[in-house]
PDB file of N, CA and C in Angstrom:
ATOM      1  N   MET A   1      15.144  -4.607 -20.264  1.00  0.00           N
ATOM      2  CA  MET A   1      15.198  -5.446 -19.092  1.00  0.00           C
ATOM      3  C   MET A   1      13.846  -5.503 -18.409  1.00  0.00           C
ATOM      4  N   GLY A   2      12.810  -5.828 -19.125  1.00  0.00           N
ATOM      5  CA  GLY A   2      11.504  -5.978 -18.509  1.00  0.00           C
ATOM      6  C   GLY A   2      11.431  -7.259 -17.710  1.00  0.00           C
ATOM      7  N   SER A   3      10.771  -7.187 -16.590  1.00  0.00           N
ATOM      8  CA  SER A   3      10.630  -8.391 -15.783  1.00  0.00           C
ATOM      9  C   SER A   3       9.258  -8.998 -16.006  1.00  0.00           C
ATOM     10  N   LYS A   4       9.235 -10.295 -16.094  1.00  0.00           N
ATOM     11  CA  LYS A   4       7.992 -11.018 -16.312  1.00  0.00           C
ATOM     12  C   LYS A   4       7.388 -11.368 -14.958  1.00  0.00           C
ATOM     13  N   PRO A   5       6.130 -10.951 -14.681  1.00  0.00           N
ATOM     14  CA  PRO A   5       5.540 -11.289 -13.390  1.00  0.00           C
ATOM     15  C   PRO A   5       5.289 -12.792 -13.305  1.00  0.00           C
ATOM     16  N   ASN A   6       5.531 -13.349 -12.111  1.00  0.00           N
ATOM     17  CA  ASN A   6       5.289 -14.778 -11.960  1.00  0.00           C
ATOM     18  C   ASN A   6       3.806 -15.041 -11.736  1.00  0.00           C
ATOM     19  N   ASP A   7       3.413 -16.305 -11.760  1.00  0.00           N
ATOM     20  CA  ASP A   7       2.004 -16.681 -11.648  1.00  0.00           C
ATOM     21  C   ASP A   7       1.379 -16.207 -10.344  1.00  0.00           C
ATOM     22  N   GLN A   8       2.130 -16.233  -9.269  1.00  0.00           N
ATOM     23  CA  GLN A   8       1.579 -15.832  -7.977  1.00  0.00           C
ATOM     24  C   GLN A   8       1.222 -14.348  -7.973  1.00  0.00           C
ATOM     25  N   GLU A   9       2.025 -13.516  -8.577  1.00  0.00           N
ATOM     26  CA  GLU A   9       1.741 -12.078  -8.616  1.00  0.00           C
ATOM     27  C   GLU A   9       0.481 -11.781  -9.421  1.00  0.00           C
ATOM     28  N   THR A  10       0.282 -12.473 -10.529  1.00  0.00           N
ATOM     29  CA  THR A  10      -0.881 -12.208 -11.365  1.00  0.00           C
ATOM     30  C   THR A  10      -2.145 -12.813 -10.777  1.00  0.00           C
ATOM     31  N   ALA A  11      -2.027 -13.857  -9.954  1.00  0.00           N
ATOM     32  CA  ALA A  11      -3.198 -14.518  -9.388  1.00  0.00           C
ATOM     33  C   ALA A  11      -3.771 -13.741  -8.213  1.00  0.00           C
ATOM     34  N   LEU A  12      -2.996 -12.894  -7.596  1.00  0.00           N
ATOM     35  CA  LEU A  12      -3.457 -12.172  -6.416  1.00  0.00           C
ATOM     36  C   LEU A  12      -4.204 -10.910  -6.819  1.00  0.00           C
ATOM     37  N   ARG A  13      -5.471 -11.089  -7.135  1.00  0.00           N
ATOM     38  CA  ARG A  13      -6.333  -9.968  -7.508  1.00  0.00           C
ATOM     39  C   ARG A  13      -7.667 -10.178  -6.814  1.00  0.00           C
ATOM     40  N   PHE A  14      -8.223  -9.124  -6.303  1.00  0.00           N
ATOM     41  CA  PHE A  14      -9.505  -9.206  -5.609  1.00  0.00           C
ATOM     42  C   PHE A  14     -10.587  -8.512  -6.426  1.00  0.00           C
ATOM     43  N   VAL A  15     -11.807  -9.022  -6.307  1.00  0.00           N
ATOM     44  CA  VAL A  15     -12.953  -8.402  -6.964  1.00  0.00           C
ATOM     45  C   VAL A  15     -14.043  -8.183  -5.922  1.00  0.00           C
ATOM     46  N   LYS A  16     -14.838  -7.165  -6.135  1.00  0.00           N
ATOM     47  CA  LYS A  16     -15.970  -6.898  -5.243  1.00  0.00           C
ATOM     48  C   LYS A  16     -17.176  -7.709  -5.697  1.00  0.00           C
ATOM     49  N   LEU A  17     -18.208  -7.693  -4.891  1.00  0.00           N
ATOM     50  CA  LEU A  17     -19.396  -8.496  -5.151  1.00  0.00           C
ATOM     51  C   LEU A  17     -20.014  -8.182  -6.514  1.00  0.00           C
ATOM     52  N   ALA A  18     -20.054  -6.916  -6.887  1.00  0.00           N
ATOM     53  CA  ALA A  18     -20.659  -6.542  -8.167  1.00  0.00           C
ATOM     54  C   ALA A  18     -19.930  -7.204  -9.337  1.00  0.00           C
ATOM     55  N   GLU A  19     -18.603  -7.224  -9.302  1.00  0.00           N
ATOM     56  CA  GLU A  19     -17.850  -7.854 -10.388  1.00  0.00           C
ATOM     57  C   GLU A  19     -18.007  -9.369 -10.345  1.00  0.00           C
ATOM     58  N   LEU A  20     -18.045  -9.946  -9.150  1.00  0.00           N
ATOM     59  CA  LEU A  20     -18.271 -11.385  -9.015  1.00  0.00           C
ATOM     60  C   LEU A  20     -19.604 -11.762  -9.658  1.00  0.00           C
ATOM     61  N   CYS A  21     -20.650 -11.020  -9.347  1.00  0.00           N
ATOM     62  CA  CYS A  21     -21.978 -11.282  -9.915  1.00  0.00           C
ATOM     63  C   CYS A  21     -21.966 -11.102 -11.425  1.00  0.00           C
ATOM     64  N   ASN A  22     -21.294 -10.070 -11.895  1.00  0.00           N
ATOM     65  CA  ASN A  22     -21.220  -9.811 -13.325  1.00  0.00           C
ATOM     66  C   ASN A  22     -20.498 -10.942 -14.050  1.00  0.00           C
ATOM     67  N   ARG A  23     -19.387 -11.393 -13.500  1.00  0.00           N
ATOM     68  CA  ARG A  23     -18.621 -12.462 -14.141  1.00  0.00           C
ATOM     69  C   ARG A  23     -19.385 -13.776 -14.173  1.00  0.00           C
ATOM     70  N   LEU A  24     -20.181 -14.042 -13.126  1.00  0.00           N
ATOM     71  CA  LEU A  24     -20.927 -15.299 -13.071  1.00  0.00           C
ATOM     72  C   LEU A  24     -22.311 -15.188 -13.685  1.00  0.00           C
ATOM     73  N   GLY A  25     -22.762 -13.971 -13.930  1.00  0.00           N
ATOM     74  CA  GLY A  25     -24.088 -13.778 -14.517  1.00  0.00           C
ATOM     75  C   GLY A  25     -25.203 -14.107 -13.541  1.00  0.00           C
ATOM     76  N   ILE A  26     -24.989 -13.779 -12.264  1.00  0.00           N
ATOM     77  CA  ILE A  26     -25.989 -14.050 -11.224  1.00  0.00           C
ATOM     78  C   ILE A  26     -26.317 -12.761 -10.478  1.00  0.00           C
ATOM     79  N   SER A  27     -27.445 -12.789  -9.770  1.00  0.00           N
ATOM     80  CA  SER A  27     -27.846 -11.631  -8.976  1.00  0.00           C
ATOM     81  C   SER A  27     -27.129 -11.637  -7.623  1.00  0.00           C
ATOM     82  N   ARG A  28     -27.214 -10.522  -6.926  1.00  0.00           N
ATOM     83  CA  ARG A  28     -26.646 -10.441  -5.574  1.00  0.00           C
ATOM     84  C   ARG A  28     -27.303 -11.472  -4.657  1.00  0.00           C
ATOM     85  N   SER A  29     -28.617 -11.610  -4.774  1.00  0.00           N
ATOM     86  CA  SER A  29     -29.332 -12.582  -3.940  1.00  0.00           C
ATOM     87  C   SER A  29     -28.841 -13.997  -4.192  1.00  0.00           C
ATOM     88  N   GLU A  30     -28.646 -14.327  -5.452  1.00  0.00           N
ATOM     89  CA  GLU A  30     -28.151 -15.667  -5.799  1.00  0.00           C
ATOM     90  C   GLU A  30     -26.731 -15.855  -5.289  1.00  0.00           C
ATOM     91  N   ALA A  31     -25.912 -14.817  -5.350  1.00  0.00           N
ATOM     92  CA  ALA A  31     -24.549 -14.907  -4.829  1.00  0.00           C
ATOM     93  C   ALA A  31     -24.573 -15.211  -3.338  1.00  0.00           C
ATOM     94  N   PHE A  32     -25.426 -14.525  -2.582  1.00  0.00           N
ATOM     95  CA  PHE A  32     -25.498 -14.783  -1.144  1.00  0.00           C
ATOM     96  C   PHE A  32     -26.022 -16.188  -0.856  1.00  0.00           C
ATOM     97  N   ARG A  33     -26.972 -16.671  -1.665  1.00  0.00           N
ATOM     98  CA  ARG A  33     -27.452 -18.050  -1.494  1.00  0.00           C
ATOM     99  C   ARG A  33     -26.306 -19.037  -1.689  1.00  0.00           C
ATOM    100  N   ARG A  34     -25.519 -18.814  -2.741  1.00  0.00           N
ATOM    101  CA  ARG A  34     -24.411 -19.724  -3.030  1.00  0.00           C
ATOM    102  C   ARG A  34     -23.295 -19.622  -1.999  1.00  0.00           C
ATOM    103  N   ILE A  35     -23.063 -18.425  -1.453  1.00  0.00           N
ATOM    104  CA  ILE A  35     -22.039 -18.265  -0.413  1.00  0.00           C
ATOM    105  C   ILE A  35     -22.361 -19.163   0.773  1.00  0.00           C
ATOM    106  N   HIS A  36     -23.648 -19.270   1.096  1.00  0.00           N
ATOM    107  CA  HIS A  36     -24.064 -20.041   2.272  1.00  0.00           C
ATOM    108  C   HIS A  36     -24.368 -21.497   1.975  1.00  0.00           C
ATOM    109  N   SER A  37     -24.494 -21.886   0.701  1.00  0.00           N
ATOM    110  CA  SER A  37     -24.896 -23.260   0.425  1.00  0.00           C
ATOM    111  C   SER A  37     -23.934 -24.041  -0.475  1.00  0.00           C
ATOM    112  N   ALA A  38     -23.226 -23.384  -1.362  1.00  0.00           N
ATOM    113  CA  ALA A  38     -22.336 -24.091  -2.291  1.00  0.00           C
ATOM    114  C   ALA A  38     -20.931 -24.183  -1.692  1.00  0.00           C
ATOM    115  N   PRO A  39     -20.449 -25.401  -1.421  1.00  0.00           N
ATOM    116  CA  PRO A  39     -19.145 -25.537  -0.754  1.00  0.00           C
ATOM    117  C   PRO A  39     -17.960 -25.046  -1.581  1.00  0.00           C
ATOM    118  N   ASN A  40     -18.067 -25.035  -2.905  1.00  0.00           N
ATOM    119  CA  ASN A  40     -16.930 -24.619  -3.729  1.00  0.00           C
ATOM    120  C   ASN A  40     -17.059 -23.180  -4.234  1.00  0.00           C
ATOM    121  N   PHE A  41     -18.065 -22.436  -3.777  1.00  0.00           N
ATOM    122  CA  PHE A  41     -18.227 -21.042  -4.170  1.00  0.00           C
ATOM    123  C   PHE A  41     -17.134 -20.205  -3.506  1.00  0.00           C
ATOM    124  N   PRO A  42     -16.626 -19.168  -4.186  1.00  0.00           N
ATOM    125  CA  PRO A  42     -15.570 -18.337  -3.589  1.00  0.00           C
ATOM    126  C   PRO A  42     -15.989 -17.771  -2.229  1.00  0.00           C
ATOM    127  N   LYS A  43     -15.090 -17.872  -1.273  1.00  0.00           N
ATOM    128  CA  LYS A  43     -15.367 -17.395   0.083  1.00  0.00           C
ATOM    129  C   LYS A  43     -15.046 -15.902   0.197  1.00  0.00           C
ATOM    130  N   PRO A  44     -15.883 -15.165   0.923  1.00  0.00           N
ATOM    131  CA  PRO A  44     -15.621 -13.735   1.106  1.00  0.00           C
ATOM    132  C   PRO A  44     -14.373 -13.493   1.955  1.00  0.00           C
ATOM    133  N   ILE A  45     -13.674 -12.421   1.640  1.00  0.00           N
ATOM    134  CA  ILE A  45     -12.487 -11.997   2.389  1.00  0.00           C
ATOM    135  C   ILE A  45     -12.780 -10.613   2.937  1.00  0.00           C
ATOM    136  N   ARG A  46     -12.773 -10.470   4.251  1.00  0.00           N
ATOM    137  CA  ARG A  46     -13.071  -9.185   4.878  1.00  0.00           C
ATOM    138  C   ARG A  46     -11.798  -8.343   4.916  1.00  0.00           C
ATOM    139  N   MET A  47     -11.837  -7.201   4.230  1.00  0.00           N
ATOM    140  CA  MET A  47     -10.699  -6.292   4.171  1.00  0.00           C
ATOM    141  C   MET A  47     -10.793  -5.192   5.232  1.00  0.00           C
ATOM    142  N   GLY A  48     -11.982  -4.971   5.731  1.00  0.00           N
ATOM    143  CA  GLY A  48     -12.211  -3.947   6.737  1.00  0.00           C
ATOM    144  C   GLY A  48     -13.610  -4.093   7.278  1.00  0.00           C
ATOM    145  N   ALA A  49     -14.045  -3.130   8.060  1.00  0.00           N
ATOM    146  CA  ALA A  49     -15.354  -3.208   8.688  1.00  0.00           C
ATOM    147  C   ALA A  49     -16.482  -3.276   7.663  1.00  0.00           C
ATOM    148  N   ARG A  50     -16.318  -2.584   6.539  1.00  0.00           N
ATOM    149  CA  ARG A  50     -17.392  -2.551   5.528  1.00  0.00           C
ATOM    150  C   ARG A  50     -16.899  -2.879   4.127  1.00  0.00           C
ATOM    151  N   CYS A  51     -15.809  -3.622   4.042  1.00  0.00           N
ATOM    152  CA  CYS A  51     -15.240  -3.958   2.737  1.00  0.00           C
ATOM    153  C   CYS A  51     -15.015  -5.460   2.645  1.00  0.00           C
ATOM    154  N   VAL A  52     -15.721  -6.089   1.720  1.00  0.00           N
ATOM    155  CA  VAL A  52     -15.580  -7.522   1.485  1.00  0.00           C
ATOM    156  C   VAL A  52     -15.213  -7.721   0.016  1.00  0.00           C
ATOM    157  N   VAL A  53     -14.225  -8.574  -0.227  1.00  0.00           N
ATOM    158  CA  VAL A  53     -13.783  -8.866  -1.587  1.00  0.00           C
ATOM    159  C   VAL A  53     -13.710 -10.380  -1.761  1.00  0.00           C
ATOM    160  N   TYR A  54     -13.463 -10.792  -3.006  1.00  0.00           N
ATOM    161  CA  TYR A  54     -13.353 -12.209  -3.346  1.00  0.00           C
ATOM    162  C   TYR A  54     -12.112 -12.393  -4.199  1.00  0.00           C
ATOM    163  N   SER A  55     -11.465 -13.538  -4.064  1.00  0.00           N
ATOM    164  CA  SER A  55     -10.275 -13.825  -4.844  1.00  0.00           C
ATOM    165  C   SER A  55     -10.667 -14.085  -6.295  1.00  0.00           C
ATOM    166  N   SER A  56     -10.039 -13.371  -7.201  1.00  0.00           N
ATOM    167  CA  SER A  56     -10.311 -13.548  -8.620  1.00  0.00           C
ATOM    168  C   SER A  56      -9.948 -14.967  -9.060  1.00  0.00           C
ATOM    169  N   GLY A  57      -8.895 -15.520  -8.483  1.00  0.00           N
ATOM    170  CA  GLY A  57      -8.492 -16.887  -8.800  1.00  0.00           C
ATOM    171  C   GLY A  57      -9.546 -17.900  -8.382  1.00  0.00           C
ATOM    172  N   GLU A  58     -10.179 -17.675  -7.217  1.00  0.00           N
ATOM    173  CA  GLU A  58     -11.239 -18.574  -6.771  1.00  0.00           C
ATOM    174  C   GLU A  58     -12.470 -18.464  -7.676  1.00  0.00           C
ATOM    175  N   VAL A  59     -12.737 -17.267  -8.171  1.00  0.00           N
ATOM    176  CA  VAL A  59     -13.858 -17.092  -9.107  1.00  0.00           C
ATOM    177  C   VAL A  59     -13.558 -17.854 -10.390  1.00  0.00           C
ATOM    178  N   ASP A  60     -12.326 -17.760 -10.877  1.00  0.00           N
ATOM    179  CA  ASP A  60     -11.929 -18.506 -12.074  1.00  0.00           C
ATOM    180  C   ASP A  60     -12.082 -20.011 -11.844  1.00  0.00           C
ATOM    181  N   ASP A  61     -11.633 -20.492 -10.683  1.00  0.00           N
ATOM    182  CA  ASP A  61     -11.737 -21.918 -10.360  1.00  0.00           C
ATOM    183  C   ASP A  61     -13.194 -22.360 -10.320  1.00  0.00           C
ATOM    184  N   TYR A  62     -14.055 -21.527  -9.749  1.00  0.00           N
ATOM    185  CA  TYR A  62     -15.474 -21.855  -9.676  1.00  0.00           C
ATOM    186  C   TYR A  62     -16.071 -21.950 -11.082  1.00  0.00           C
ATOM    187  N   GLN A  63     -15.738 -21.004 -11.930  1.00  0.00           N
ATOM    188  CA  GLN A  63     -16.230 -21.025 -13.307  1.00  0.00           C
ATOM    189  C   GLN A  63     -15.740 -22.280 -14.039  1.00  0.00           C
ATOM    190  N   ASN A  64     -14.472 -22.613 -13.868  1.00  0.00           N
ATOM    191  CA  ASN A  64     -13.923 -23.804 -14.517  1.00  0.00           C
ATOM    192  C   ASN A  64     -14.590 -25.070 -13.998  1.00  0.00           C
ATOM    193  N   GLY A  65     -14.934 -25.089 -12.706  1.00  0.00           N
ATOM    194  CA  GLY A  65     -15.646 -26.232 -12.138  1.00  0.00           C
ATOM    195  C   GLY A  65     -17.029 -26.397 -12.742  1.00  0.00           C
ATOM    196  N   LEU A  66     -17.725 -25.283 -12.965  1.00  0.00           N
ATOM    197  CA  LEU A  66     -19.043 -25.341 -13.591  1.00  0.00           C
ATOM    198  C   LEU A  66     -18.941 -25.872 -15.024  1.00  0.00           C
ATOM    199  N   ILE A  67     -17.920 -25.447 -15.727  1.00  0.00           N
ATOM    200  CA  ILE A  67     -17.712 -25.920 -17.091  1.00  0.00           C
ATOM    201  C   ILE A  67     -17.398 -27.412 -17.082  1.00  0.00           C
ATOM    202  N   ALA A  68     -16.561 -27.848 -16.134  1.00  0.00           N
ATOM    203  CA  ALA A  68     -16.216 -29.268 -16.036  1.00  0.00           C
ATOM    204  C   ALA A  68     -17.457 -30.107 -15.715  1.00  0.00           C
ATOM    205  N   GLN A  69     -18.340 -29.607 -14.837  1.00  0.00           N
ATOM    206  CA  GLN A  69     -19.592 -30.311 -14.531  1.00  0.00           C
ATOM    207  C   GLN A  69     -20.448 -30.443 -15.786  1.00  0.00           C
ATOM    208  N   ARG A  70     -20.561 -29.371 -16.535  1.00  0.00           N
ATOM    209  CA  ARG A  70     -21.340 -29.394 -17.769  1.00  0.00           C
ATOM    210  C   ARG A  70     -20.777 -30.413 -18.744  1.00  0.00           C
ATOM    211  N   ASP A  71     -19.463 -30.402 -18.907  1.00  0.00           N
ATOM    212  CA  ASP A  71     -18.826 -31.312 -19.847  1.00  0.00           C
ATOM    213  C   ASP A  71     -18.964 -32.766 -19.410  1.00  0.00           C
ATOM    214  N   ALA A  72     -18.888 -33.002 -18.093  1.00  0.00           N
ATOM    215  CA  ALA A  72     -19.031 -34.363 -17.579  1.00  0.00           C
ATOM    216  C   ALA A  72     -20.440 -34.886 -17.823  1.00  0.00           C
ATOM    217  N   LYS A  73     -21.435 -34.035 -17.702  1.00  0.00           N
ATOM    218  CA  LYS A  73     -22.828 -34.442 -17.962  1.00  0.00           C
ATOM    219  C   LYS A  73     -23.040 -34.723 -19.438  1.00  0.00           C
ATOM    220  N   ALA A  74     -22.373 -33.972 -20.305  1.00  0.00           N
ATOM    221  CA  ALA A  74     -22.530 -34.150 -21.749  1.00  0.00           C
ATOM    222  C   ALA A  74     -21.932 -35.487 -22.196  1.00  0.00           C
ATOM    223  N   VAL A  75     -20.885 -35.957 -21.528  1.00  0.00           N
ATOM    224  CA  VAL A  75     -20.213 -37.193 -21.894  1.00  0.00           C
ATOM    225  C   VAL A  75     -20.943 -38.406 -21.309  1.00  0.00           C
ATOM    226  N   ALA A  76     -21.589 -38.237 -20.153  1.00  0.00           N
ATOM    227  CA  ALA A  76     -22.252 -39.357 -19.482  1.00  0.00           C
ATOM    228  C   ALA A  76     -23.369 -39.921 -20.371  1.00  0.00           C
ATOM    229  N   PRO A  77     -23.505 -41.260 -20.377  1.00  0.00           N
ATOM    230  CA  PRO A  77     -24.523 -41.885 -21.237  1.00  0.00           C
ATOM    231  C   PRO A  77     -25.934 -41.616 -20.786  1.00  0.00           C
TER     232      PRO A  77
END
């Protein structure tokens, strides 16, 4: 009688800045630049006075958006 987790349960995962940078292949400095300038970059979530995390789902969406931009440029004449 195993229960299958629904999509909402699996999507609710947080990552710290180091993992965000690792997944995107960018430096901390570049991450902070994008936080302040890129409208679709994952927004920080403050968990406490000194703890900031990012939604793993938003990181996935950002990565998929970058791939879609690349693919759209490849198709354009």
